[in-house]
N, C-alpha and C. Protein backbone atom coordinates (compact mmCIF):
# COMPACT_ATOMS: atom_id res chain seq x y z
N MET A 1 0.78 -1.20 -0.03
CA MET A 1 -0.03 0.03 -0.02
C MET A 1 0.89 1.23 0.00
N SER A 2 0.75 2.02 -0.91
CA SER A 2 1.53 3.22 -1.11
C SER A 2 0.83 4.44 -0.84
N ILE A 3 1.41 5.55 -0.42
CA ILE A 3 0.79 6.74 -0.04
C ILE A 3 0.94 7.72 -1.27
N PRO A 4 -0.22 8.30 -1.67
CA PRO A 4 -0.14 9.26 -2.82
C PRO A 4 0.88 10.33 -2.70
N GLU A 5 1.50 10.63 -3.83
CA GLU A 5 2.58 11.70 -3.80
C GLU A 5 2.08 13.08 -3.28
N GLU A 6 0.84 13.50 -3.73
CA GLU A 6 0.43 14.69 -3.38
C GLU A 6 0.05 14.91 -1.89
N ARG A 7 -0.24 13.79 -1.21
CA ARG A 7 -0.39 13.81 0.27
C ARG A 7 0.91 14.05 0.89
N ILE A 8 1.94 13.47 0.45
CA ILE A 8 3.26 13.71 1.01
C ILE A 8 3.79 15.11 0.86
N GLU A 9 3.53 15.61 -0.34
CA GLU A 9 3.94 17.01 -0.59
C GLU A 9 3.17 17.99 0.14
N SER A 10 1.83 17.80 0.37
CA SER A 10 1.05 18.73 1.16
C SER A 10 1.36 18.71 2.65
N ALA A 11 2.04 17.63 3.16
CA ALA A 11 2.54 17.50 4.56
C ALA A 11 3.70 18.45 4.77
N LYS A 12 4.45 18.66 3.71
CA LYS A 12 5.69 19.40 3.73
C LYS A 12 5.56 20.90 3.80
N ILE A 13 4.32 21.37 3.40
CA ILE A 13 3.92 22.71 3.49
C ILE A 13 3.65 23.16 4.97
N PRO A 14 4.36 24.12 5.41
CA PRO A 14 4.11 24.53 6.89
C PRO A 14 2.81 25.30 7.01
N ASN A 15 2.06 24.88 8.01
CA ASN A 15 0.87 25.79 8.31
C ASN A 15 1.31 27.11 9.02
N GLU A 16 0.62 28.16 8.56
CA GLU A 16 0.96 29.44 9.04
C GLU A 16 0.28 29.71 10.44
N GLU A 17 1.07 30.11 11.30
CA GLU A 17 0.53 30.33 12.66
C GLU A 17 -0.29 31.71 12.79
N PRO A 18 -1.37 31.72 13.54
CA PRO A 18 -2.07 33.02 13.53
C PRO A 18 -1.39 34.03 14.35
N LYS A 19 -1.58 35.42 13.99
CA LYS A 19 -0.83 36.41 14.70
C LYS A 19 -1.17 36.53 16.14
N THR A 20 -2.43 36.20 16.51
CA THR A 20 -2.83 36.28 17.99
C THR A 20 -3.50 34.97 18.26
N LYS A 21 -3.48 34.69 19.57
CA LYS A 21 -3.97 33.47 20.13
C LYS A 21 -4.76 33.75 21.31
N THR A 22 -5.72 32.99 21.63
CA THR A 22 -6.60 33.09 22.81
C THR A 22 -6.20 31.98 23.75
N GLN A 23 -5.93 32.35 24.99
CA GLN A 23 -5.53 31.38 25.97
C GLN A 23 -6.55 31.30 27.08
N GLU A 24 -6.92 30.18 27.60
CA GLU A 24 -7.78 30.09 28.68
C GLU A 24 -7.15 29.14 29.71
N VAL A 25 -7.50 29.40 30.88
CA VAL A 25 -6.93 28.70 32.11
C VAL A 25 -8.14 28.11 33.00
N GLN A 26 -7.92 26.86 33.23
CA GLN A 26 -8.85 26.22 34.22
C GLN A 26 -8.16 25.98 35.53
N THR A 27 -8.78 26.38 36.51
CA THR A 27 -8.14 26.29 37.83
C THR A 27 -8.86 25.21 38.64
N ILE A 28 -8.29 24.75 39.75
CA ILE A 28 -8.89 23.82 40.65
C ILE A 28 -9.80 24.51 41.68
N PHE A 29 -9.79 25.78 41.67
CA PHE A 29 -10.60 26.52 42.68
C PHE A 29 -11.97 26.86 42.10
N ARG A 30 -12.92 26.85 42.95
CA ARG A 30 -14.32 27.27 42.59
C ARG A 30 -14.33 28.79 42.47
N ASP A 31 -15.12 29.26 41.67
CA ASP A 31 -15.40 30.71 41.52
C ASP A 31 -16.73 31.08 42.13
N SER A 32 -17.24 30.25 42.98
CA SER A 32 -18.53 30.56 43.56
C SER A 32 -18.57 31.82 44.36
N THR A 33 -17.36 32.21 45.05
CA THR A 33 -17.30 33.34 45.76
C THR A 33 -17.37 34.60 44.90
N ALA A 34 -16.99 34.55 43.57
CA ALA A 34 -17.07 35.59 42.83
C ALA A 34 -18.46 35.72 42.11
N GLN A 35 -19.30 34.77 42.23
CA GLN A 35 -20.61 34.75 41.64
C GLN A 35 -21.59 35.72 42.37
N THR A 36 -22.46 36.28 41.66
CA THR A 36 -23.49 37.08 42.25
C THR A 36 -24.79 36.37 42.12
N ASP A 37 -25.84 36.97 42.84
CA ASP A 37 -27.16 36.42 42.62
C ASP A 37 -27.58 36.57 41.15
N PRO A 38 -28.32 35.66 40.58
CA PRO A 38 -28.77 35.89 39.14
C PRO A 38 -29.72 36.97 39.06
N TYR A 39 -29.72 37.65 37.95
CA TYR A 39 -30.56 38.75 37.60
C TYR A 39 -31.96 38.29 37.51
N THR A 40 -32.95 39.07 38.21
CA THR A 40 -34.35 38.73 38.16
C THR A 40 -34.96 39.97 37.64
N PRO A 41 -35.62 39.91 36.38
CA PRO A 41 -36.32 41.15 35.92
C PRO A 41 -37.53 41.47 36.75
N LYS A 42 -37.98 42.64 36.65
CA LYS A 42 -39.28 43.08 37.41
C LYS A 42 -40.41 42.41 36.56
N TYR A 43 -41.41 42.03 37.36
CA TYR A 43 -42.42 41.28 36.71
C TYR A 43 -43.80 41.80 37.47
N LYS A 44 -44.93 41.57 36.76
CA LYS A 44 -46.21 41.80 37.26
C LYS A 44 -46.95 40.45 37.31
N ILE A 45 -47.74 40.36 38.36
CA ILE A 45 -48.48 39.10 38.60
C ILE A 45 -49.96 39.37 38.76
N ASP A 46 -50.74 38.54 38.11
CA ASP A 46 -52.17 38.59 38.26
C ASP A 46 -52.42 38.03 39.66
N PRO A 47 -53.10 38.81 40.65
CA PRO A 47 -53.34 38.38 42.02
C PRO A 47 -54.19 37.19 42.05
N GLN A 48 -54.92 36.90 41.03
CA GLN A 48 -55.83 35.74 41.06
C GLN A 48 -55.03 34.37 40.64
N LYS A 49 -53.94 34.58 40.03
CA LYS A 49 -53.12 33.36 39.50
C LYS A 49 -51.66 33.54 39.96
N ILE A 50 -51.44 33.39 41.20
CA ILE A 50 -49.87 33.55 41.55
C ILE A 50 -49.16 32.20 41.39
N PRO A 51 -48.13 32.19 40.69
CA PRO A 51 -47.44 30.88 40.45
C PRO A 51 -46.88 30.32 41.69
N GLU A 52 -46.80 29.11 41.86
CA GLU A 52 -46.22 28.36 42.92
C GLU A 52 -44.76 28.69 43.08
N VAL A 53 -44.07 28.88 42.05
CA VAL A 53 -42.62 29.06 42.07
C VAL A 53 -42.28 30.26 42.77
N LEU A 54 -43.15 31.31 42.85
CA LEU A 54 -42.88 32.49 43.69
C LEU A 54 -42.78 32.23 45.18
N SER A 55 -43.26 31.06 45.59
CA SER A 55 -43.05 30.74 47.09
C SER A 55 -41.60 30.40 47.36
N LEU A 56 -40.94 30.29 46.34
CA LEU A 56 -39.42 29.94 46.54
C LEU A 56 -38.58 31.36 46.37
N ALA A 57 -39.22 32.46 46.09
CA ALA A 57 -38.53 33.62 45.99
C ALA A 57 -37.66 34.19 47.06
N PRO A 58 -37.99 33.95 48.33
CA PRO A 58 -37.16 34.33 49.42
C PRO A 58 -35.88 33.44 49.60
N PHE A 59 -35.79 32.42 48.98
CA PHE A 59 -34.64 31.54 49.08
C PHE A 59 -33.50 32.14 48.22
N LYS A 60 -32.27 32.09 48.68
CA LYS A 60 -31.11 32.63 48.01
C LYS A 60 -30.09 31.55 48.04
N PHE A 61 -29.16 31.52 47.04
CA PHE A 61 -28.08 30.57 47.05
C PHE A 61 -27.17 30.83 48.21
N GLY A 62 -26.80 29.80 48.87
CA GLY A 62 -25.90 29.82 50.14
C GLY A 62 -26.73 30.28 51.36
N ASP A 63 -28.00 30.61 51.23
CA ASP A 63 -28.94 30.90 52.33
C ASP A 63 -30.21 30.25 52.02
N GLN A 64 -30.30 28.97 52.35
CA GLN A 64 -31.62 28.20 52.15
C GLN A 64 -31.54 27.42 50.80
N LEU A 65 -30.49 27.76 49.91
CA LEU A 65 -30.44 26.95 48.67
C LEU A 65 -29.03 26.49 48.66
N PRO A 66 -28.66 25.25 48.20
CA PRO A 66 -29.60 24.22 47.76
C PRO A 66 -30.54 23.84 48.97
N ALA A 67 -31.75 23.39 48.59
CA ALA A 67 -32.73 23.17 49.70
C ALA A 67 -32.38 21.94 50.49
N SER A 68 -32.54 22.10 51.76
CA SER A 68 -32.41 20.95 52.67
C SER A 68 -33.81 20.39 53.02
N MET A 69 -33.75 19.59 54.01
CA MET A 69 -35.10 18.97 54.42
C MET A 69 -36.07 20.02 55.05
N THR A 70 -35.35 21.02 55.68
CA THR A 70 -36.11 22.05 56.38
C THR A 70 -36.84 22.89 55.32
N GLU A 71 -36.17 23.22 54.28
CA GLU A 71 -36.77 23.99 53.16
C GLU A 71 -37.85 23.16 52.36
N MET A 72 -37.55 21.85 52.25
CA MET A 72 -38.61 20.99 51.67
C MET A 72 -39.80 20.91 52.48
N GLN A 73 -39.60 20.83 53.83
CA GLN A 73 -40.77 20.92 54.61
C GLN A 73 -41.64 22.28 54.58
N TYR A 74 -40.84 23.35 54.39
CA TYR A 74 -41.43 24.63 54.26
C TYR A 74 -42.32 24.70 52.95
N ILE A 75 -41.78 24.03 51.89
CA ILE A 75 -42.44 24.00 50.59
C ILE A 75 -43.63 23.17 50.69
N GLU A 76 -43.61 22.08 51.37
CA GLU A 76 -44.78 21.09 51.60
C GLU A 76 -45.78 21.91 52.40
N ASN A 77 -45.40 22.52 53.47
CA ASN A 77 -46.35 23.27 54.33
C ASN A 77 -47.08 24.40 53.48
N THR A 78 -46.33 25.06 52.67
CA THR A 78 -46.88 26.11 51.88
C THR A 78 -47.95 25.55 50.93
N ARG A 79 -47.65 24.40 50.30
CA ARG A 79 -48.55 23.72 49.41
C ARG A 79 -49.86 23.40 50.17
N GLU A 80 -49.73 22.81 51.32
CA GLU A 80 -50.80 22.28 52.14
C GLU A 80 -51.70 23.54 52.60
N THR A 81 -51.12 24.68 52.93
CA THR A 81 -51.85 25.92 53.31
C THR A 81 -52.56 26.40 52.09
N LEU A 82 -51.96 26.48 50.98
CA LEU A 82 -52.50 26.98 49.78
C LEU A 82 -53.75 26.12 49.40
N ALA A 83 -53.57 24.74 49.43
CA ALA A 83 -54.74 23.92 49.16
C ALA A 83 -55.88 24.02 50.11
N PHE A 84 -55.54 24.29 51.42
CA PHE A 84 -56.53 24.46 52.50
C PHE A 84 -57.32 25.80 52.12
N SER A 85 -56.60 26.87 51.90
CA SER A 85 -57.24 28.06 51.68
C SER A 85 -58.22 28.13 50.47
N HIS A 86 -57.73 27.27 49.40
CA HIS A 86 -58.62 27.09 48.28
C HIS A 86 -59.91 26.36 48.59
N ALA A 87 -59.80 25.45 49.61
CA ALA A 87 -60.95 24.56 49.91
C ALA A 87 -61.89 25.26 50.81
N LEU A 88 -61.55 26.31 51.45
CA LEU A 88 -62.46 27.08 52.32
C LEU A 88 -63.61 27.67 51.58
N PRO A 89 -64.74 27.74 52.31
CA PRO A 89 -65.93 28.28 51.58
C PRO A 89 -65.70 29.80 51.45
N PRO A 90 -66.32 30.49 50.36
CA PRO A 90 -66.11 31.89 50.25
C PRO A 90 -66.90 32.66 51.43
N THR A 91 -66.48 33.91 51.47
CA THR A 91 -67.08 34.83 52.57
C THR A 91 -68.21 35.63 52.04
N SER A 92 -69.03 34.92 51.26
CA SER A 92 -70.18 35.70 50.60
C SER A 92 -71.34 35.98 51.51
N ASP A 93 -71.51 35.01 52.44
CA ASP A 93 -72.77 35.34 53.45
C ASP A 93 -72.29 35.05 54.84
N GLU A 94 -73.08 35.30 55.78
CA GLU A 94 -72.77 35.13 57.27
C GLU A 94 -72.52 33.67 57.68
N ALA A 95 -73.31 32.75 57.05
CA ALA A 95 -73.17 31.34 57.43
C ALA A 95 -71.82 30.77 56.86
N SER A 96 -71.50 31.11 55.65
CA SER A 96 -70.22 30.58 55.03
C SER A 96 -68.99 31.27 55.72
N PHE A 97 -69.17 32.59 56.15
CA PHE A 97 -68.10 33.20 56.88
C PHE A 97 -67.89 32.50 58.23
N ALA A 98 -69.00 32.10 58.92
CA ALA A 98 -68.81 31.47 60.25
C ALA A 98 -68.17 30.18 60.08
N LEU A 99 -68.60 29.44 59.00
CA LEU A 99 -67.90 28.15 58.77
C LEU A 99 -66.43 28.27 58.43
N ARG A 100 -66.23 29.18 57.60
CA ARG A 100 -64.78 29.48 57.27
C ARG A 100 -63.92 29.88 58.57
N ARG A 101 -64.51 30.67 59.31
CA ARG A 101 -63.76 31.15 60.62
C ARG A 101 -63.50 29.81 61.46
N ARG A 102 -64.60 29.09 61.58
CA ARG A 102 -64.42 27.89 62.47
C ARG A 102 -63.34 26.87 61.97
N LEU A 103 -63.35 26.72 60.48
CA LEU A 103 -62.39 25.77 60.01
C LEU A 103 -60.97 26.33 60.18
N MET A 104 -60.83 27.62 60.00
CA MET A 104 -59.50 28.22 60.20
C MET A 104 -59.04 28.16 61.63
N GLU A 105 -59.90 28.27 62.61
CA GLU A 105 -59.42 28.10 63.98
C GLU A 105 -59.13 26.73 64.31
N ASP A 106 -59.82 25.73 63.84
CA ASP A 106 -59.55 24.33 64.02
C ASP A 106 -58.17 23.98 63.38
């Protein structure tokens, strides 16, 4: 098996080096101390439809995030409270208001 002559000749031509080069360095140190909180744009929310994800808004990285069992329990309690408040009768009349008040006290 022989190598074609043109392939041998093309290997003899030197590749021209670029005039500038970009260098990158990877260290063994974490840059987490240099990181800031992620940007959060301003937003408007319909008061009738508040997304569940906003219950996590007070959590910050390094302070309650990543979530531990305490934060997971907080999230579950928030879900239960929200489900309970949706299950309560409306305050449209005196009887339903009294029932709602009794359920909340219990």
